[in-house]
Amino acid sequence: MHYIYTVLFYDIYLSVRYVKAIQAAHPEKKGDPTSSKFTEQWVESCDEAEKEIIYKSAYKTYIVLNKVIPILLLLTLIANMFLNTGILAVLVVAVIYLVTGMTYIRSCMVSKAKRIG
């Protein structure tokens, strides 16, 4: 378990360093990588081509998650039945699945409402 925390720490550390390096090379890029508003600030400082890349990447990620999460849910259900791993893993994967789906639906509804009204 200790190794997981170490990997997560280095992932976060290297991600912040990467963003800072991009900002050093391109001063027009805004946003503090440690801020909760980083994504909004970063996207606002991007041009239309970069925004399109970000949106396409986000959609592809959503599609992949919609394929992988049900498989993980099935695997956690089977592991719970045969290995008695506990229901918490099943619940966590189910909540992740619900959150991704509801976020996508909400985003579509907001976008449609903006176009209409």
Protein backbone atom coordinates (compact mmCIF):
# COMPACT_ATOMS: atom_id res chain seq x y z
CA MET A 1 0.00 0.00 0.00
CA HIS A 2 2.91 2.31 0.72
CA TYR A 3 4.03 2.02 -2.91
CA ILE A 4 0.66 3.25 -4.19
CA TYR A 5 0.96 6.46 -2.19
CA THR A 6 4.50 6.96 -3.42
CA VAL A 7 3.42 6.51 -7.05
CA LEU A 8 0.50 8.92 -6.55
CA PHE A 9 2.80 11.50 -4.96
CA TYR A 10 5.27 11.33 -7.86
CA ASP A 11 2.43 11.45 -10.40
CA ILE A 12 1.05 14.64 -8.86
CA TYR A 13 4.52 16.14 -8.43
CA LEU A 14 5.54 15.43 -12.02
CA SER A 15 2.20 16.69 -13.38
CA VAL A 16 2.66 20.03 -11.58
CA ARG A 17 6.23 20.28 -12.85
CA TYR A 18 5.07 19.53 -16.40
CA VAL A 19 2.43 22.28 -16.27
CA LYS A 20 4.97 24.73 -14.86
CA ALA A 21 7.39 23.86 -17.70
CA ILE A 22 4.68 24.46 -20.31
CA GLN A 23 3.83 27.78 -18.66
CA ALA A 24 7.50 28.79 -18.70
CA ALA A 25 7.68 28.09 -22.43
CA HIS A 26 4.25 29.63 -23.16
CA PRO A 27 3.53 32.51 -20.77
CA GLU A 28 0.03 32.96 -22.21
CA LYS A 29 -1.03 29.73 -20.50
CA LYS A 30 -2.79 30.59 -17.26
CA GLY A 31 -3.76 28.64 -14.18
CA ASP A 32 -2.23 27.42 -10.96
CA PRO A 33 -1.95 23.60 -11.10
CA THR A 34 -2.61 23.37 -7.35
CA SER A 35 -5.86 25.37 -7.60
CA SER A 36 -9.31 23.79 -7.78
CA LYS A 37 -10.11 26.15 -10.70
CA PHE A 38 -7.07 25.07 -12.73
CA THR A 39 -8.98 23.32 -15.49
CA GLU A 40 -11.24 26.30 -16.17
CA GLN A 41 -8.31 28.73 -16.12
CA TRP A 42 -6.24 26.52 -18.41
CA VAL A 43 -9.02 26.01 -20.97
CA GLU A 44 -9.77 29.76 -21.02
CA SER A 45 -6.15 30.44 -21.98
CA CYS A 46 -6.24 27.94 -24.86
CA ASP A 47 -7.05 28.77 -28.46
CA GLU A 48 -9.86 27.04 -30.38
CA ALA A 49 -7.67 24.25 -31.79
CA GLU A 50 -6.34 23.37 -28.33
CA LYS A 51 -9.87 23.43 -26.90
CA GLU A 52 -11.02 21.04 -29.60
CA ILE A 53 -8.19 18.65 -28.74
CA ILE A 54 -9.11 18.84 -25.04
CA TYR A 55 -12.80 18.20 -25.72
CA LYS A 56 -12.12 15.31 -28.11
CA SER A 57 -9.74 13.75 -25.58
CA ALA A 58 -12.30 14.12 -22.81
CA TYR A 59 -14.97 12.44 -24.94
CA LYS A 60 -12.64 9.57 -25.86
CA THR A 61 -11.86 9.12 -22.17
CA TYR A 62 -15.58 9.01 -21.41
CA ILE A 63 -16.11 6.34 -24.10
CA VAL A 64 -13.25 4.21 -22.72
CA LEU A 65 -14.57 4.55 -19.17
CA ASN A 66 -18.01 3.48 -20.33
CA LYS A 67 -16.44 0.27 -21.64
CA VAL A 68 -14.05 -0.42 -18.75
CA ILE A 69 -16.15 0.43 -15.69
CA PRO A 70 -18.88 -2.18 -16.36
CA ILE A 71 -16.17 -4.82 -16.72
CA LEU A 72 -14.62 -3.68 -13.43
CA LEU A 73 -18.06 -3.77 -11.82
CA LEU A 74 -18.59 -7.34 -13.01
CA LEU A 75 -15.13 -8.36 -11.78
CA THR A 76 -15.71 -6.83 -8.34
CA LEU A 77 -19.09 -8.58 -8.11
CA ILE A 78 -17.50 -11.93 -8.98
CA ALA A 79 -14.62 -11.31 -6.56
CA ASN A 80 -17.14 -10.51 -3.84
CA MET A 81 -19.07 -13.74 -4.49
CA PHE A 82 -16.10 -16.11 -4.67
CA LEU A 83 -13.38 -14.40 -2.62
CA ASN A 84 -15.59 -12.56 -0.14
CA THR A 85 -13.74 -9.29 -0.76
CA GLY A 86 -16.55 -7.17 0.60
CA ILE A 87 -19.22 -5.03 -0.94
CA LEU A 88 -17.30 -1.73 -0.63
CA ALA A 89 -15.34 -2.29 -3.85
CA VAL A 90 -18.56 -2.99 -5.72
CA LEU A 91 -20.15 0.16 -4.32
CA VAL A 92 -17.15 2.33 -5.19
CA VAL A 93 -17.09 1.13 -8.80
CA ALA A 94 -20.87 1.53 -9.06
CA VAL A 95 -20.67 5.10 -7.74
CA ILE A 96 -17.89 5.93 -10.21
CA TYR A 97 -20.05 4.54 -13.01
CA LEU A 98 -23.04 6.61 -11.90
CA VAL A 99 -20.99 9.79 -11.52
CA THR A 100 -19.47 9.51 -15.01
CA GLY A 101 -22.87 8.88 -16.57
CA MET A 102 -24.67 11.62 -14.66
CA THR A 103 -21.89 14.14 -15.36
CA TYR A 104 -22.11 13.42 -19.08
CA ILE A 105 -25.91 13.73 -19.09
CA ARG A 106 -25.80 16.98 -17.11
CA SER A 107 -23.18 18.43 -19.44
CA CYS A 108 -25.29 17.56 -22.49
CA MET A 109 -28.40 19.13 -20.93
CA VAL A 110 -26.55 22.34 -20.02
CA SER A 111 -25.03 22.60 -23.51
CA LYS A 112 -28.42 22.06 -25.14
CA ALA A 113 -30.07 24.65 -22.86
CA LYS A 114 -27.37 27.20 -23.78
CA ARG A 115 -27.97 26.61 -27.50
CA ILE A 116 -31.75 26.92 -27.16
CA GLY A 117 -32.00 29.84 -24.79
